[in-house]
PDB file of all heavy atoms in Angstrom:
ATOM      1  N   ASP A   1    -140.039 -81.032 301.449  1.00  0.00           N
ATOM      2  CA  ASP A   1    -140.444 -82.248 302.157  1.00  0.00           C
ATOM      3  C   ASP A   1    -141.049 -83.325 301.269  1.00  0.00           C
ATOM      4  O   ASP A   1    -141.155 -84.477 301.677  1.00  0.00           O
ATOM      5  CB  ASP A   1    -141.449 -81.902 303.268  1.00  0.00           C
ATOM      6  CG  ASP A   1    -140.795 -81.102 304.381  1.00  0.00           C
ATOM      7  OD1 ASP A   1    -139.549 -81.180 304.491  1.00  0.00           O
ATOM      8  OD2 ASP A   1    -141.509 -80.409 305.119  1.00  0.00           O
ATOM      9  N   GLY A   2    -141.511 -82.974 300.090  1.00  0.00           N
ATOM     10  CA  GLY A   2    -142.146 -83.988 299.258  1.00  0.00           C
ATOM     11  C   GLY A   2    -142.191 -83.590 297.807  1.00  0.00           C
ATOM     12  O   GLY A   2    -141.858 -82.467 297.429  1.00  0.00           O
ATOM     13  N   GLY A   3    -142.595 -84.559 296.963  1.00  0.00           N
ATOM     14  CA  GLY A   3    -142.727 -84.283 295.543  1.00  0.00           C
ATOM     15  C   GLY A   3    -141.447 -84.565 294.781  1.00  0.00           C
ATOM     16  O   GLY A   3    -140.364 -84.753 295.361  1.00  0.00           O
ATOM     17  N   ASP A   4    -141.555 -84.581 293.462  1.00  0.00           N
ATOM     18  CA  ASP A   4    -140.370 -84.813 292.630  1.00  0.00           C
ATOM     19  C   ASP A   4    -139.616 -83.502 292.427  1.00  0.00           C
ATOM     20  O   ASP A   4    -139.961 -82.468 293.002  1.00  0.00           O
ATOM     21  CB  ASP A   4    -140.787 -85.423 291.286  1.00  0.00           C
ATOM     22  CG  ASP A   4    -141.813 -84.567 290.543  1.00  0.00           C
ATOM     23  OD1 ASP A   4    -141.922 -83.359 290.858  1.00  0.00           O
ATOM     24  OD2 ASP A   4    -142.497 -85.104 289.662  1.00  0.00           O
ATOM     25  N   ARG A   5    -138.585 -83.553 291.579  1.00  0.00           N
ATOM     26  CA  ARG A   5    -137.757 -82.371 291.400  1.00  0.00           C
ATOM     27  C   ARG A   5    -138.541 -81.195 290.831  1.00  0.00           C
ATOM     28  O   ARG A   5    -138.352 -80.047 291.247  1.00  0.00           O
ATOM     29  CB  ARG A   5    -136.579 -82.692 290.466  1.00  0.00           C
ATOM     30  CG  ARG A   5    -135.638 -81.496 290.308  1.00  0.00           C
ATOM     31  CD  ARG A   5    -134.641 -81.693 289.186  1.00  0.00           C
ATOM     32  NE  ARG A   5    -133.830 -80.495 289.036  1.00  0.00           N
ATOM     33  CZ  ARG A   5    -134.240 -79.379 288.442  1.00  0.00           C
ATOM     34  NH1 ARG A   5    -135.471 -79.302 287.956  1.00  0.00           N
ATOM     35  NH2 ARG A   5    -133.439 -78.323 288.354  1.00  0.00           N
ATOM     36  N   ALA A   6    -139.451 -81.481 289.867  1.00  0.00           N
ATOM     37  CA  ALA A   6    -140.226 -80.398 289.257  1.00  0.00           C
ATOM     38  C   ALA A   6    -141.091 -79.700 290.300  1.00  0.00           C
ATOM     39  O   ALA A   6    -141.169 -78.471 290.336  1.00  0.00           O
ATOM     40  CB  ALA A   6    -141.096 -80.944 288.127  1.00  0.00           C
ATOM     41  N   GLU A   7    -141.730 -80.479 291.164  1.00  0.00           N
ATOM     42  CA  GLU A   7    -142.569 -79.883 292.208  1.00  0.00           C
ATOM     43  C   GLU A   7    -141.723 -79.115 293.210  1.00  0.00           C
ATOM     44  O   GLU A   7    -142.130 -78.065 293.716  1.00  0.00           O
ATOM     45  CB  GLU A   7    -143.364 -80.977 292.916  1.00  0.00           C
ATOM     46  CG  GLU A   7    -144.432 -81.617 292.029  1.00  0.00           C
ATOM     47  CD  GLU A   7    -145.130 -82.770 292.715  1.00  0.00           C
ATOM     48  OE1 GLU A   7    -144.586 -83.269 293.728  1.00  0.00           O
ATOM     49  OE2 GLU A   7    -146.194 -83.182 292.236  1.00  0.00           O
ATOM     50  N   ARG A   8    -140.545 -79.639 293.487  1.00  0.00           N
ATOM     51  CA  ARG A   8    -139.630 -78.943 294.410  1.00  0.00           C
ATOM     52  C   ARG A   8    -139.202 -77.602 293.816  1.00  0.00           C
ATOM     53  O   ARG A   8    -139.185 -76.577 294.497  1.00  0.00           O
ATOM     54  CB  ARG A   8    -138.428 -79.852 294.651  1.00  0.00           C
ATOM     55  CG  ARG A   8    -137.309 -79.251 295.489  1.00  0.00           C
ATOM     56  CD  ARG A   8    -136.346 -80.363 295.846  1.00  0.00           C
ATOM     57  NE  ARG A   8    -135.044 -79.867 296.260  1.00  0.00           N
ATOM     58  CZ  ARG A   8    -134.247 -80.495 297.102  1.00  0.00           C
ATOM     59  NH1 ARG A   8    -134.633 -81.638 297.611  1.00  0.00           N
ATOM     60  NH2 ARG A   8    -133.079 -79.998 297.412  1.00  0.00           N
ATOM     61  N   SER A   9    -138.861 -77.603 292.529  1.00  0.00           N
ATOM     62  CA  SER A   9    -138.461 -76.360 291.860  1.00  0.00           C
ATOM     63  C   SER A   9    -139.592 -75.339 291.892  1.00  0.00           C
ATOM     64  O   SER A   9    -139.375 -74.154 292.191  1.00  0.00           O
ATOM     65  CB  SER A   9    -138.070 -76.646 290.406  1.00  0.00           C
ATOM     66  OG  SER A   9    -136.922 -77.451 290.344  1.00  0.00           O
ATOM     67  N   LEU A  10    -140.801 -75.805 291.565  1.00  0.00           N
ATOM     68  CA  LEU A  10    -141.954 -74.915 291.550  1.00  0.00           C
ATOM     69  C   LEU A  10    -142.216 -74.340 292.930  1.00  0.00           C
ATOM     70  O   LEU A  10    -142.430 -73.136 293.094  1.00  0.00           O
ATOM     71  CB  LEU A  10    -143.190 -75.690 291.070  1.00  0.00           C
ATOM     72  CG  LEU A  10    -144.542 -74.985 291.211  1.00  0.00           C
ATOM     73  CD1 LEU A  10    -144.557 -73.689 290.415  1.00  0.00           C
ATOM     74  CD2 LEU A  10    -145.675 -75.892 290.763  1.00  0.00           C
ATOM     75  N   GLY A  11    -142.197 -75.202 293.943  1.00  0.00           N
ATOM     76  CA  GLY A  11    -142.486 -74.740 295.302  1.00  0.00           C
ATOM     77  C   GLY A  11    -141.479 -73.720 295.809  1.00  0.00           C
ATOM     78  O   GLY A  11    -141.844 -72.711 296.413  1.00  0.00           O
ATOM     79  N   LEU A  12    -140.199 -73.992 295.573  1.00  0.00           N
ATOM     80  CA  LEU A  12    -139.162 -73.057 296.031  1.00  0.00           C
ATOM     81  C   LEU A  12    -139.275 -71.713 295.321  1.00  0.00           C
ATOM     82  O   LEU A  12    -139.204 -70.655 295.954  1.00  0.00           O
ATOM     83  CB  LEU A  12    -137.774 -73.659 295.792  1.00  0.00           C
ATOM     84  CG  LEU A  12    -137.320 -74.757 296.749  1.00  0.00           C
ATOM     85  CD1 LEU A  12    -136.007 -75.361 296.285  1.00  0.00           C
ATOM     86  CD2 LEU A  12    -137.171 -74.207 298.166  1.00  0.00           C
ATOM     87  N   ALA A  13    -139.448 -71.767 293.996  1.00  0.00           N
ATOM     88  CA  ALA A  13    -139.540 -70.512 293.238  1.00  0.00           C
ATOM     89  C   ALA A  13    -140.779 -69.729 293.631  1.00  0.00           C
ATOM     90  O   ALA A  13    -140.727 -68.508 293.818  1.00  0.00           O
ATOM     91  CB  ALA A  13    -139.550 -70.808 291.743  1.00  0.00           C
ATOM     92  N   ALA A  14    -141.918 -70.418 293.759  1.00  0.00           N
ATOM     93  CA  ALA A  14    -143.171 -69.732 294.084  1.00  0.00           C
ATOM     94  C   ALA A  14    -143.100 -69.077 295.455  1.00  0.00           C
ATOM     95  O   ALA A  14    -143.682 -68.013 295.679  1.00  0.00           O
ATOM     96  CB  ALA A  14    -144.333 -70.724 294.040  1.00  0.00           C
ATOM     97  N   ALA A  15    -142.378 -69.686 296.402  1.00  0.00           N
ATOM     98  CA  ALA A  15    -142.296 -69.140 297.755  1.00  0.00           C
ATOM     99  C   ALA A  15    -141.239 -68.048 297.880  1.00  0.00           C
ATOM    100  O   ALA A  15    -141.470 -67.023 298.541  1.00  0.00           O
ATOM    101  CB  ALA A  15    -142.005 -70.271 298.748  1.00  0.00           C
ATOM    102  N   LEU A  16    -140.084 -68.244 297.249  1.00  0.00           N
ATOM    103  CA  LEU A  16    -138.941 -67.383 297.548  1.00  0.00           C
ATOM    104  C   LEU A  16    -138.707 -66.246 296.554  1.00  0.00           C
ATOM    105  O   LEU A  16    -138.149 -65.213 296.929  1.00  0.00           O
ATOM    106  CB  LEU A  16    -137.667 -68.238 297.653  1.00  0.00           C
ATOM    107  CG  LEU A  16    -137.694 -69.267 298.794  1.00  0.00           C
ATOM    108  CD1 LEU A  16    -136.396 -70.066 298.820  1.00  0.00           C
ATOM    109  CD2 LEU A  16    -137.924 -68.589 300.146  1.00  0.00           C
ATOM    110  N   LEU A  17    -139.128 -66.406 295.295  1.00  0.00           N
ATOM    111  CA  LEU A  17    -138.927 -65.282 294.361  1.00  0.00           C
ATOM    112  C   LEU A  17    -139.762 -64.059 294.754  1.00  0.00           C
ATOM    113  O   LEU A  17    -139.263 -62.932 294.691  1.00  0.00           O
ATOM    114  CB  LEU A  17    -139.220 -65.712 292.930  1.00  0.00           C
ATOM    115  CG  LEU A  17    -138.234 -66.734 292.346  1.00  0.00           C
ATOM    116  CD1 LEU A  17    -138.500 -66.958 290.865  1.00  0.00           C
ATOM    117  CD2 LEU A  17    -136.785 -66.327 292.576  1.00  0.00           C
ATOM    118  N   PRO A  18    -141.023 -64.224 295.181  1.00  0.00           N
ATOM    119  CA  PRO A  18    -141.747 -63.042 295.683  1.00  0.00           C
ATOM    120  C   PRO A  18    -141.080 -62.427 296.918  1.00  0.00           C
ATOM    121  O   PRO A  18    -141.092 -61.205 297.086  1.00  0.00           O
ATOM    122  CB  PRO A  18    -143.136 -63.604 296.027  1.00  0.00           C
ATOM    123  CG  PRO A  18    -143.287 -64.794 295.133  1.00  0.00           C
ATOM    124  CD  PRO A  18    -141.919 -65.403 295.081  1.00  0.00           C
ATOM    125  N   LEU A  19    -140.495 -63.273 297.768  1.00  0.00           N
ATOM    126  CA  LEU A  19    -139.771 -62.748 298.929  1.00  0.00           C
ATOM    127  C   LEU A  19    -138.573 -61.922 298.470  1.00  0.00           C
ATOM    128  O   LEU A  19    -138.287 -60.853 299.029  1.00  0.00           O
ATOM    129  CB  LEU A  19    -139.314 -63.913 299.812  1.00  0.00           C
ATOM    130  CG  LEU A  19    -138.510 -63.562 301.068  1.00  0.00           C
ATOM    131  CD1 LEU A  19    -139.328 -62.687 302.015  1.00  0.00           C
ATOM    132  CD2 LEU A  19    -138.059 -64.832 301.787  1.00  0.00           C
ATOM    133  N   ALA A  20    -137.900 -62.380 297.431  1.00  0.00           N
ATOM    134  CA  ALA A  20    -136.771 -61.627 296.895  1.00  0.00           C
ATOM    135  C   ALA A  20    -137.224 -60.287 296.318  1.00  0.00           C
ATOM    136  O   ALA A  20    -136.539 -59.271 296.461  1.00  0.00           O
ATOM    137  CB  ALA A  20    -136.063 -62.451 295.815  1.00  0.00           C
ATOM    138  N   VAL A  21    -138.395 -60.282 295.659  1.00  0.00           N
ATOM    139  CA  VAL A  21    -138.925 -59.031 295.110  1.00  0.00           C
ATOM    140  C   VAL A  21    -139.162 -58.020 296.232  1.00  0.00           C
ATOM    141  O   VAL A  21    -138.763 -56.852 296.145  1.00  0.00           O
ATOM    142  CB  VAL A  21    -140.244 -59.289 294.343  1.00  0.00           C
ATOM    143  CG1 VAL A  21    -140.908 -57.970 293.965  1.00  0.00           C
ATOM    144  CG2 VAL A  21    -139.975 -60.104 293.089  1.00  0.00           C
ATOM    145  N   ASP A  22    -139.848 -58.459 297.294  1.00  0.00           N
ATOM    146  CA  ASP A  22    -140.134 -57.548 298.405  1.00  0.00           C
ATOM    147  C   ASP A  22    -138.847 -57.031 299.042  1.00  0.00           C
ATOM    148  O   ASP A  22    -138.744 -55.852 299.391  1.00  0.00           O
ATOM    149  CB  ASP A  22    -140.990 -58.254 299.459  1.00  0.00           C
ATOM    150  CG  ASP A  22    -142.401 -58.501 298.974  1.00  0.00           C
ATOM    151  OD1 ASP A  22    -142.809 -57.869 297.981  1.00  0.00           O
ATOM    152  OD2 ASP A  22    -143.112 -59.318 299.594  1.00  0.00           O
ATOM    153  N   ALA A  23    -137.870 -57.924 299.215  1.00  0.00           N
ATOM    154  CA  ALA A  23    -136.603 -57.510 299.813  1.00  0.00           C
ATOM    155  C   ALA A  23    -135.892 -56.490 298.929  1.00  0.00           C
ATOM    156  O   ALA A  23    -135.300 -55.523 299.423  1.00  0.00           O
ATOM    157  CB  ALA A  23    -135.712 -58.731 300.050  1.00  0.00           C
ATOM    158  N   ALA A  24    -135.970 -56.688 297.607  1.00  0.00           N
ATOM    159  CA  ALA A  24    -135.345 -55.743 296.679  1.00  0.00           C
ATOM    160  C   ALA A  24    -135.996 -54.370 296.783  1.00  0.00           C
ATOM    161  O   ALA A  24    -135.317 -53.342 296.778  1.00  0.00           O
ATOM    162  CB  ALA A  24    -135.450 -56.274 295.249  1.00  0.00           C
TER     163      ALA A  24
END
């Protein structure tokens, strides 16, 4: 919803990579 590309990358990775770990 906001921020530049770097902030978007950080936010997506910080939220979804741990979710991927748990799913694995």
